[in-house]
Amino acid sequence: MKKIIIADDEHKILMSLEYSLKKNGYGVFIARNGTEVAEFLKTMVPDVILLDVSMPNLDGYSILDIIKEQEDLKNTKVIFLSAKNNPKEIEREMEIGIDAYVTKPFSIKKLIQQIENLLV
């Protein structure tokens, strides 16, 4: 079973993604802030991290730095979730090493398809 960490401080996003991803056969782990993501990464290697850019404690950029520092996480796919939709910012985000960038609001169906494409 593929493992996915969903990291977001918006409760509705967490719950709808958790439900949909579990329904699609993924093992889902919920983090409400960057510190919780960092704790998960000490004990597990997820296949995908859905990572809100703006979170309390540690933001998405800080978590991305942690991921890049750990050799065992080199194959973990990172998808940034953000309300920002400026094309130049998105391009810059892609250059720092994420695998995909999804703007809020988003289609859960399309997001799941994107996850499946990354895991092929």
C-alpha atoms as a PDB file:
ATOM      1  CA  MET A   1       0.000   0.000   0.000  1.00  0.00           C
ATOM      2  CA  LYS A   2       1.380   3.376  -1.021  1.00  0.00           C
ATOM      3  CA  LYS A   3       1.747   5.832   1.874  1.00  0.00           C
ATOM      4  CA  ILE A   4       0.756   9.469   1.582  1.00  0.00           C
ATOM      5  CA  ILE A   5       1.207  12.267   4.101  1.00  0.00           C
ATOM      6  CA  ILE A   6      -1.340  15.051   3.766  1.00  0.00           C
ATOM      7  CA  ALA A   7      -0.017  18.220   5.386  1.00  0.00           C
ATOM      8  CA  ASP A   8      -2.421  21.126   5.586  1.00  0.00           C
ATOM      9  CA  ASP A   9      -3.781  23.380   8.313  1.00  0.00           C
ATOM     10  CA  GLU A  10      -7.267  23.492   6.735  1.00  0.00           C
ATOM     11  CA  HIS A  11      -9.457  20.837   8.363  1.00  0.00           C
ATOM     12  CA  LYS A  12     -11.882  20.484   5.421  1.00  0.00           C
ATOM     13  CA  ILE A  13      -9.060  19.832   2.974  1.00  0.00           C
ATOM     14  CA  LEU A  14      -7.525  17.221   5.269  1.00  0.00           C
ATOM     15  CA  MET A  15     -10.780  15.366   5.783  1.00  0.00           C
ATOM     16  CA  SER A  16     -11.876  15.328   2.135  1.00  0.00           C
ATOM     17  CA  LEU A  17      -8.431  14.251   0.914  1.00  0.00           C
ATOM     18  CA  GLU A  18      -8.115  11.609   3.624  1.00  0.00           C
ATOM     19  CA  TYR A  19     -11.486  10.097   2.700  1.00  0.00           C
ATOM     20  CA  SER A  20     -10.838  10.141  -1.054  1.00  0.00           C
ATOM     21  CA  LEU A  21      -7.298   8.779  -0.870  1.00  0.00           C
ATOM     22  CA  LYS A  22      -8.248   5.965   1.523  1.00  0.00           C
ATOM     23  CA  LYS A  23     -11.139   5.104  -0.786  1.00  0.00           C
ATOM     24  CA  ASN A  24      -8.556   4.803  -3.593  1.00  0.00           C
ATOM     25  CA  GLY A  25      -6.421   2.365  -1.585  1.00  0.00           C
ATOM     26  CA  TYR A  26      -3.729   4.629  -0.145  1.00  0.00           C
ATOM     27  CA  GLY A  27      -2.398   4.570   3.406  1.00  0.00           C
ATOM     28  CA  VAL A  28      -3.018   8.110   4.644  1.00  0.00           C
ATOM     29  CA  PHE A  29      -1.269  10.029   7.415  1.00  0.00           C
ATOM     30  CA  ILE A  30      -2.523  13.444   8.516  1.00  0.00           C
ATOM     31  CA  ALA A  31      -0.342  16.370   9.589  1.00  0.00           C
ATOM     32  CA  ARG A  32      -1.836  19.695  10.641  1.00  0.00           C
ATOM     33  CA  ASN A  33       1.449  21.583  10.652  1.00  0.00           C
ATOM     34  CA  GLY A  34       5.055  21.278   9.566  1.00  0.00           C
ATOM     35  CA  THR A  35       6.249  19.917  12.899  1.00  0.00           C
ATOM     36  CA  GLU A  36       3.905  16.936  12.576  1.00  0.00           C
ATOM     37  CA  VAL A  37       5.278  16.231   9.085  1.00  0.00           C
ATOM     38  CA  ALA A  38       8.844  16.343  10.424  1.00  0.00           C
ATOM     39  CA  GLU A  39       7.870  13.833  13.137  1.00  0.00           C
ATOM     40  CA  PHE A  40       6.406  11.424  10.560  1.00  0.00           C
ATOM     41  CA  LEU A  41       9.578  11.677   8.487  1.00  0.00           C
ATOM     42  CA  LYS A  42      11.653  10.432  11.425  1.00  0.00           C
ATOM     43  CA  THR A  43       9.868   7.080  11.395  1.00  0.00           C
ATOM     44  CA  MET A  44       8.538   6.491   7.875  1.00  0.00           C
ATOM     45  CA  VAL A  45       9.290   6.929   4.190  1.00  0.00           C
ATOM     46  CA  PRO A  46       6.132   8.059   2.415  1.00  0.00           C
ATOM     47  CA  ASP A  47       5.617   7.611  -1.301  1.00  0.00           C
ATOM     48  CA  VAL A  48       3.976  11.050  -1.625  1.00  0.00           C
ATOM     49  CA  ILE A  49       3.653  14.156   0.512  1.00  0.00           C
ATOM     50  CA  LEU A  50       0.860  16.622  -0.232  1.00  0.00           C
ATOM     51  CA  LEU A  51       2.366  19.693   1.324  1.00  0.00           C
ATOM     52  CA  ASP A  52       0.630  22.990   1.998  1.00  0.00           C
ATOM     53  CA  VAL A  53       3.098  25.790   1.377  1.00  0.00           C
ATOM     54  CA  SER A  54       1.837  27.992   4.243  1.00  0.00           C
ATOM     55  CA  MET A  55       1.533  26.065   7.522  1.00  0.00           C
ATOM     56  CA  PRO A  56       2.153  26.830  11.179  1.00  0.00           C
ATOM     57  CA  ASN A  57       5.512  25.995  12.786  1.00  0.00           C
ATOM     58  CA  LEU A  58       7.414  24.768   9.715  1.00  0.00           C
ATOM     59  CA  ASP A  59       6.234  25.827   6.257  1.00  0.00           C
ATOM     60  CA  GLY A  60       6.363  23.758   3.082  1.00  0.00           C
ATOM     61  CA  TYR A  61       9.795  25.098   2.143  1.00  0.00           C
ATOM     62  CA  SER A  62      11.277  24.017   5.479  1.00  0.00           C
ATOM     63  CA  ILE A  63       9.818  20.530   5.084  1.00  0.00           C
ATOM     64  CA  LEU A  64      11.180  20.340   1.542  1.00  0.00           C
ATOM     65  CA  ASP A  65      14.648  21.130   2.942  1.00  0.00           C
ATOM     66  CA  ILE A  66      14.289  18.275   5.457  1.00  0.00           C
ATOM     67  CA  ILE A  67      13.246  15.906   2.670  1.00  0.00           C
ATOM     68  CA  LYS A  68      16.224  16.875   0.505  1.00  0.00           C
ATOM     69  CA  GLU A  69      18.630  16.279   3.419  1.00  0.00           C
ATOM     70  CA  GLN A  70      17.508  12.678   3.968  1.00  0.00           C
ATOM     71  CA  GLU A  71      18.836  10.100   1.519  1.00  0.00           C
ATOM     72  CA  ASP A  72      16.018   7.643   2.267  1.00  0.00           C
ATOM     73  CA  LEU A  73      13.460  10.247   1.097  1.00  0.00           C
ATOM     74  CA  LYS A  74      15.022  10.833  -2.330  1.00  0.00           C
ATOM     75  CA  ASN A  75      12.214   8.924  -4.078  1.00  0.00           C
ATOM     76  CA  THR A  76       9.394  10.563  -2.132  1.00  0.00           C
ATOM     77  CA  LYS A  77       7.224  12.661  -4.431  1.00  0.00           C
ATOM     78  CA  VAL A  78       6.329  16.139  -3.163  1.00  0.00           C
ATOM     79  CA  ILE A  79       3.248  18.010  -4.320  1.00  0.00           C
ATOM     80  CA  PHE A  80       2.862  21.591  -3.124  1.00  0.00           C
ATOM     81  CA  LEU A  81      -0.678  22.762  -2.386  1.00  0.00           C
ATOM     82  CA  SER A  82      -1.155  26.517  -2.441  1.00  0.00           C
ATOM     83  CA  ALA A  83      -3.723  29.237  -2.992  1.00  0.00           C
ATOM     84  CA  LYS A  84      -1.075  31.193  -4.915  1.00  0.00           C
ATOM     85  CA  ASN A  85      -1.482  30.824  -8.654  1.00  0.00           C
ATOM     86  CA  ASN A  86       1.057  33.243 -10.091  1.00  0.00           C
ATOM     87  CA  PRO A  87       2.724  31.429 -13.030  1.00  0.00           C
ATOM     88  CA  LYS A  88       6.169  32.869 -12.210  1.00  0.00           C
ATOM     89  CA  GLU A  89       5.904  31.691  -8.602  1.00  0.00           C
ATOM     90  CA  ILE A  90       4.764  28.249  -9.730  1.00  0.00           C
ATOM     91  CA  GLU A  91       7.714  28.015 -12.111  1.00  0.00           C
ATOM     92  CA  ARG A  92      10.084  29.028  -9.289  1.00  0.00           C
ATOM     93  CA  GLU A  93       8.521  26.405  -6.988  1.00  0.00           C
ATOM     94  CA  MET A  94       9.053  23.685  -9.586  1.00  0.00           C
ATOM     95  CA  GLU A  95      12.712  24.668  -9.879  1.00  0.00           C
ATOM     96  CA  ILE A  96      13.361  24.082  -6.159  1.00  0.00           C
ATOM     97  CA  GLY A  97      12.676  20.385  -6.507  1.00  0.00           C
ATOM     98  CA  ILE A  98       9.000  19.623  -6.062  1.00  0.00           C
ATOM     99  CA  ASP A  99       7.267  17.135  -8.340  1.00  0.00           C
ATOM    100  CA  ALA A 100       3.980  18.998  -8.835  1.00  0.00           C
ATOM    101  CA  TYR A 101       2.195  22.196  -7.854  1.00  0.00           C
ATOM    102  CA  VAL A 102      -1.569  22.257  -7.277  1.00  0.00           C
ATOM    103  CA  THR A 103      -3.494  25.470  -6.727  1.00  0.00           C
ATOM    104  CA  LYS A 104      -6.423  25.685  -4.324  1.00  0.00           C
ATOM    105  CA  PRO A 105      -9.252  25.131  -4.865  1.00  0.00           C
ATOM    106  CA  PHE A 106      -8.558  21.913  -6.738  1.00  0.00           C
ATOM    107  CA  SER A 107     -10.355  18.871  -8.094  1.00  0.00           C
ATOM    108  CA  ILE A 108      -9.686  15.855  -5.867  1.00  0.00           C
ATOM    109  CA  LYS A 109     -10.232  13.569  -8.854  1.00  0.00           C
ATOM    110  CA  LYS A 110      -7.539  15.406 -10.851  1.00  0.00           C
ATOM    111  CA  LEU A 111      -5.198  15.441  -7.844  1.00  0.00           C
ATOM    112  CA  ILE A 112      -5.538  11.669  -7.424  1.00  0.00           C
ATOM    113  CA  GLN A 113      -4.796  11.243 -11.135  1.00  0.00           C
ATOM    114  CA  GLN A 114      -1.698  13.413 -10.724  1.00  0.00           C
ATOM    115  CA  ILE A 115      -0.568  11.295  -7.752  1.00  0.00           C
ATOM    116  CA  GLU A 116      -1.064   8.113  -9.758  1.00  0.00           C
ATOM    117  CA  ASN A 117       0.951   9.551 -12.658  1.00  0.00           C
ATOM    118  CA  LEU A 118       3.834  10.408 -10.316  1.00  0.00           C
ATOM    119  CA  LEU A 119       3.869   6.923  -8.832  1.00  0.00           C
ATOM    120  CA  VAL A 120       4.135   5.087 -12.158  1.00  0.00           C
END
